[in-house]
Amino acid sequence: MSWNERIYADERLTHRARAVYMYLRDRADADGKCWPGVKRIASDLHLSRRTAQRALADLEQAGYIRRDERFRENGSRTSNLYTIQ
């Protein structure tokens, strides 16, 4: 089953989570990694930041993505690294 058939068949996911997943896949490199910020995801998909955060949490819980926090050299946070599973 291809990734798009799998994501559409998964009844646990909302349409927002599917849209965010496709957004991340579209921006991922050859290793399946990308790092857009929540603000960027929400803006590009015309979602609220909170809706984008919920969609990302749903995708992580369902095993479609892995989220790793990233930090700058001074210790402040930057955008998360998302890996397509």
N, C-alpha and C. Protein backbone atom coordinates (compact mmCIF):
# COMPACT_ATOMS: atom_id res chain seq x y z
N MET A 1 0.85 -1.17 0.00
CA MET A 1 0.00 0.00 0.00
C MET A 1 0.90 1.24 0.00
N SER A 2 0.62 2.17 -0.87
CA SER A 2 1.43 3.39 -0.96
C SER A 2 1.12 4.30 0.22
N TRP A 3 1.99 5.29 0.45
CA TRP A 3 1.81 6.19 1.60
C TRP A 3 0.49 6.95 1.51
N ASN A 4 0.10 7.39 0.31
CA ASN A 4 -1.14 8.16 0.22
C ASN A 4 -2.38 7.28 0.42
N GLU A 5 -2.33 6.03 -0.02
CA GLU A 5 -3.44 5.12 0.25
C GLU A 5 -3.54 4.84 1.74
N ARG A 6 -2.38 4.68 2.38
CA ARG A 6 -2.34 4.38 3.81
C ARG A 6 -2.89 5.54 4.64
N ILE A 7 -2.50 6.75 4.31
CA ILE A 7 -2.93 7.90 5.12
C ILE A 7 -4.42 8.18 4.93
N TYR A 8 -4.94 7.97 3.72
CA TYR A 8 -6.37 8.17 3.50
C TYR A 8 -7.21 7.07 4.13
N ALA A 9 -6.66 5.88 4.24
CA ALA A 9 -7.40 4.76 4.83
C ALA A 9 -7.41 4.80 6.36
N ASP A 10 -6.50 5.55 6.95
CA ASP A 10 -6.38 5.60 8.41
C ASP A 10 -7.48 6.48 9.00
N GLU A 11 -8.47 5.86 9.61
CA GLU A 11 -9.62 6.59 10.14
C GLU A 11 -9.30 7.38 11.41
N ARG A 12 -8.12 7.16 12.01
CA ARG A 12 -7.74 7.91 13.20
C ARG A 12 -7.38 9.36 12.88
N LEU A 13 -7.04 9.63 11.62
CA LEU A 13 -6.53 10.95 11.25
C LEU A 13 -7.64 11.87 10.76
N THR A 14 -7.56 13.11 11.18
CA THR A 14 -8.48 14.14 10.68
C THR A 14 -7.99 14.63 9.32
N HIS A 15 -8.84 15.35 8.63
CA HIS A 15 -8.41 15.90 7.34
C HIS A 15 -7.28 16.90 7.54
N ARG A 16 -7.25 17.59 8.66
CA ARG A 16 -6.17 18.53 8.94
C ARG A 16 -4.84 17.81 9.12
N ALA A 17 -4.87 16.67 9.81
CA ALA A 17 -3.65 15.89 9.99
C ALA A 17 -3.14 15.37 8.65
N ARG A 18 -4.05 14.95 7.79
CA ARG A 18 -3.65 14.50 6.45
C ARG A 18 -3.01 15.64 5.66
N ALA A 19 -3.59 16.83 5.74
CA ALA A 19 -3.05 17.99 5.03
C ALA A 19 -1.65 18.32 5.54
N VAL A 20 -1.46 18.28 6.85
CA VAL A 20 -0.14 18.58 7.43
C VAL A 20 0.86 17.51 7.01
N TYR A 21 0.44 16.25 6.99
CA TYR A 21 1.34 15.18 6.57
C TYR A 21 1.80 15.39 5.12
N MET A 22 0.87 15.70 4.25
CA MET A 22 1.24 15.95 2.84
C MET A 22 2.15 17.17 2.72
N TYR A 23 1.89 18.18 3.54
CA TYR A 23 2.74 19.37 3.56
C TYR A 23 4.17 18.99 3.95
N LEU A 24 4.31 18.19 5.00
CA LEU A 24 5.64 17.77 5.44
C LEU A 24 6.33 16.89 4.40
N ARG A 25 5.59 15.96 3.81
CA ARG A 25 6.18 15.10 2.76
C ARG A 25 6.67 15.93 1.58
N ASP A 26 5.91 16.94 1.25
CA ASP A 26 6.24 17.81 0.13
C ASP A 26 7.54 18.58 0.38
N ARG A 27 7.84 18.87 1.62
CA ARG A 27 9.01 19.67 1.97
C ARG A 27 10.19 18.85 2.48
N ALA A 28 9.99 17.55 2.62
CA ALA A 28 11.03 16.68 3.15
C ALA A 28 12.15 16.45 2.13
N ASP A 29 13.36 16.27 2.65
CA ASP A 29 14.48 15.95 1.79
C ASP A 29 14.48 14.45 1.47
N ALA A 30 15.53 13.98 0.83
CA ALA A 30 15.61 12.57 0.41
C ALA A 30 15.58 11.61 1.60
N ASP A 31 15.98 12.10 2.78
CA ASP A 31 15.97 11.28 3.99
C ASP A 31 14.66 11.39 4.76
N GLY A 32 13.68 12.13 4.22
CA GLY A 32 12.40 12.28 4.88
C GLY A 32 12.41 13.29 6.00
N LYS A 33 13.38 14.22 6.00
CA LYS A 33 13.51 15.20 7.07
C LYS A 33 13.14 16.60 6.58
N CYS A 34 12.46 17.35 7.44
CA CYS A 34 12.15 18.75 7.16
C CYS A 34 11.99 19.47 8.49
N TRP A 35 12.01 20.78 8.46
CA TRP A 35 12.00 21.53 9.71
C TRP A 35 11.21 22.84 9.65
N PRO A 36 10.02 22.83 9.06
CA PRO A 36 9.22 24.06 9.07
C PRO A 36 8.70 24.33 10.48
N GLY A 37 8.58 25.59 10.83
CA GLY A 37 8.01 25.94 12.12
C GLY A 37 6.51 25.81 12.11
N VAL A 38 5.91 25.70 13.28
CA VAL A 38 4.46 25.58 13.40
C VAL A 38 3.78 26.81 12.80
N LYS A 39 4.36 27.97 13.03
CA LYS A 39 3.80 29.20 12.49
C LYS A 39 3.75 29.15 10.96
N ARG A 40 4.81 28.65 10.33
CA ARG A 40 4.87 28.53 8.87
C ARG A 40 3.85 27.51 8.37
N ILE A 41 3.77 26.36 9.02
CA ILE A 41 2.82 25.33 8.62
C ILE A 41 1.40 25.89 8.69
N ALA A 42 1.08 26.53 9.81
CA ALA A 42 -0.26 27.08 9.99
C ALA A 42 -0.57 28.14 8.94
N SER A 43 0.38 29.00 8.68
CA SER A 43 0.18 30.07 7.70
C SER A 43 -0.02 29.51 6.30
N ASP A 44 0.85 28.59 5.90
CA ASP A 44 0.77 28.03 4.55
C ASP A 44 -0.51 27.24 4.32
N LEU A 45 -1.02 26.57 5.36
CA LEU A 45 -2.21 25.74 5.23
C LEU A 45 -3.48 26.46 5.67
N HIS A 46 -3.36 27.72 6.06
CA HIS A 46 -4.51 28.52 6.52
C HIS A 46 -5.20 27.87 7.71
N LEU A 47 -4.39 27.44 8.67
CA LEU A 47 -4.88 26.85 9.91
C LEU A 47 -4.46 27.74 11.07
N SER A 48 -5.09 27.57 12.21
CA SER A 48 -4.59 28.24 13.40
C SER A 48 -3.34 27.49 13.86
N ARG A 49 -2.51 28.16 14.63
CA ARG A 49 -1.30 27.51 15.14
C ARG A 49 -1.67 26.31 16.00
N ARG A 50 -2.70 26.45 16.81
CA ARG A 50 -3.12 25.36 17.69
C ARG A 50 -3.62 24.16 16.88
N THR A 51 -4.34 24.40 15.80
CA THR A 51 -4.81 23.30 14.95
C THR A 51 -3.62 22.59 14.32
N ALA A 52 -2.63 23.34 13.86
CA ALA A 52 -1.42 22.73 13.30
C ALA A 52 -0.70 21.91 14.35
N GLN A 53 -0.62 22.40 15.58
CA GLN A 53 0.02 21.65 16.66
C GLN A 53 -0.72 20.36 16.96
N ARG A 54 -2.06 20.42 16.98
CA ARG A 54 -2.84 19.20 17.21
C ARG A 54 -2.64 18.19 16.09
N ALA A 55 -2.60 18.66 14.85
CA ALA A 55 -2.39 17.77 13.70
C ALA A 55 -1.02 17.10 13.80
N LEU A 56 0.00 17.86 14.16
CA LEU A 56 1.34 17.29 14.32
C LEU A 56 1.36 16.24 15.44
N ALA A 57 0.69 16.53 16.54
CA ALA A 57 0.62 15.58 17.65
C ALA A 57 -0.10 14.30 17.21
N ASP A 58 -1.18 14.44 16.45
CA ASP A 58 -1.92 13.28 15.95
C ASP A 58 -1.03 12.42 15.04
N LEU A 59 -0.28 13.08 14.17
CA LEU A 59 0.61 12.34 13.26
C LEU A 59 1.72 11.63 14.02
N GLU A 60 2.25 12.29 15.02
CA GLU A 60 3.31 11.67 15.83
C GLU A 60 2.76 10.47 16.61
N GLN A 61 1.59 10.64 17.20
CA GLN A 61 0.98 9.56 17.98
C GLN A 61 0.64 8.36 17.09
N ALA A 62 0.21 8.62 15.86
CA ALA A 62 -0.14 7.54 14.93
C ALA A 62 1.09 6.91 14.28
N GLY A 63 2.27 7.48 14.50
CA GLY A 63 3.50 6.90 13.98
C GLY A 63 3.88 7.33 12.57
N TYR A 64 3.27 8.39 12.06
CA TYR A 64 3.58 8.86 10.71
C TYR A 64 4.80 9.77 10.67
N ILE A 65 5.06 10.46 11.78
CA ILE A 65 6.23 11.33 11.85
C ILE A 65 6.93 11.14 13.19
N ARG A 66 8.19 11.53 13.22
CA ARG A 66 8.94 11.64 14.47
C ARG A 66 9.34 13.10 14.61
N ARG A 67 9.17 13.64 15.80
CA ARG A 67 9.49 15.04 16.05
C ARG A 67 10.67 15.10 17.02
N ASP A 68 11.71 15.83 16.63
CA ASP A 68 12.88 16.03 17.48
C ASP A 68 13.07 17.52 17.70
N GLU A 69 13.19 17.91 18.96
CA GLU A 69 13.44 19.31 19.26
C GLU A 69 14.84 19.69 18.82
N ARG A 70 14.97 20.94 18.36
CA ARG A 70 16.29 21.44 17.94
C ARG A 70 16.59 22.71 18.73
N PHE A 71 17.87 22.93 18.97
CA PHE A 71 18.31 24.08 19.75
C PHE A 71 19.46 24.80 19.05
N ARG A 72 19.51 26.10 19.24
CA ARG A 72 20.61 26.91 18.72
C ARG A 72 21.82 26.74 19.65
N GLU A 73 22.96 27.25 19.21
CA GLU A 73 24.18 27.15 20.02
C GLU A 73 24.03 27.84 21.37
N ASN A 74 23.21 28.90 21.43
CA ASN A 74 23.03 29.61 22.70
C ASN A 74 22.00 28.94 23.60
N GLY A 75 21.44 27.82 23.18
CA GLY A 75 20.49 27.06 23.99
C GLY A 75 19.03 27.36 23.74
N SER A 76 18.74 28.40 22.96
CA SER A 76 17.34 28.72 22.67
C SER A 76 16.78 27.72 21.65
N ARG A 77 15.46 27.54 21.71
CA ARG A 77 14.81 26.59 20.81
C ARG A 77 14.66 27.17 19.41
N THR A 78 14.69 26.29 18.44
CA THR A 78 14.39 26.64 17.06
C THR A 78 13.32 25.65 16.58
N SER A 79 13.04 25.64 15.31
CA SER A 79 11.96 24.76 14.83
C SER A 79 12.33 23.28 15.05
N ASN A 80 11.31 22.48 15.18
CA ASN A 80 11.51 21.03 15.36
C ASN A 80 11.96 20.41 14.05
N LEU A 81 12.61 19.27 14.17
CA LEU A 81 12.97 18.46 13.02
C LEU A 81 11.92 17.37 12.91
N TYR A 82 11.27 17.28 11.77
CA TYR A 82 10.26 16.25 11.54
C TYR A 82 10.83 15.22 10.57
N THR A 83 10.67 13.96 10.92
CA THR A 83 11.12 12.86 10.07
C THR A 83 9.91 12.03 9.70
N ILE A 84 9.70 11.86 8.40
CA ILE A 84 8.62 11.02 7.91
C ILE A 84 8.98 9.57 8.19
N GLN A 85 8.08 8.84 8.80
CA GLN A 85 8.35 7.43 9.16
C GLN A 85 7.90 6.49 8.05
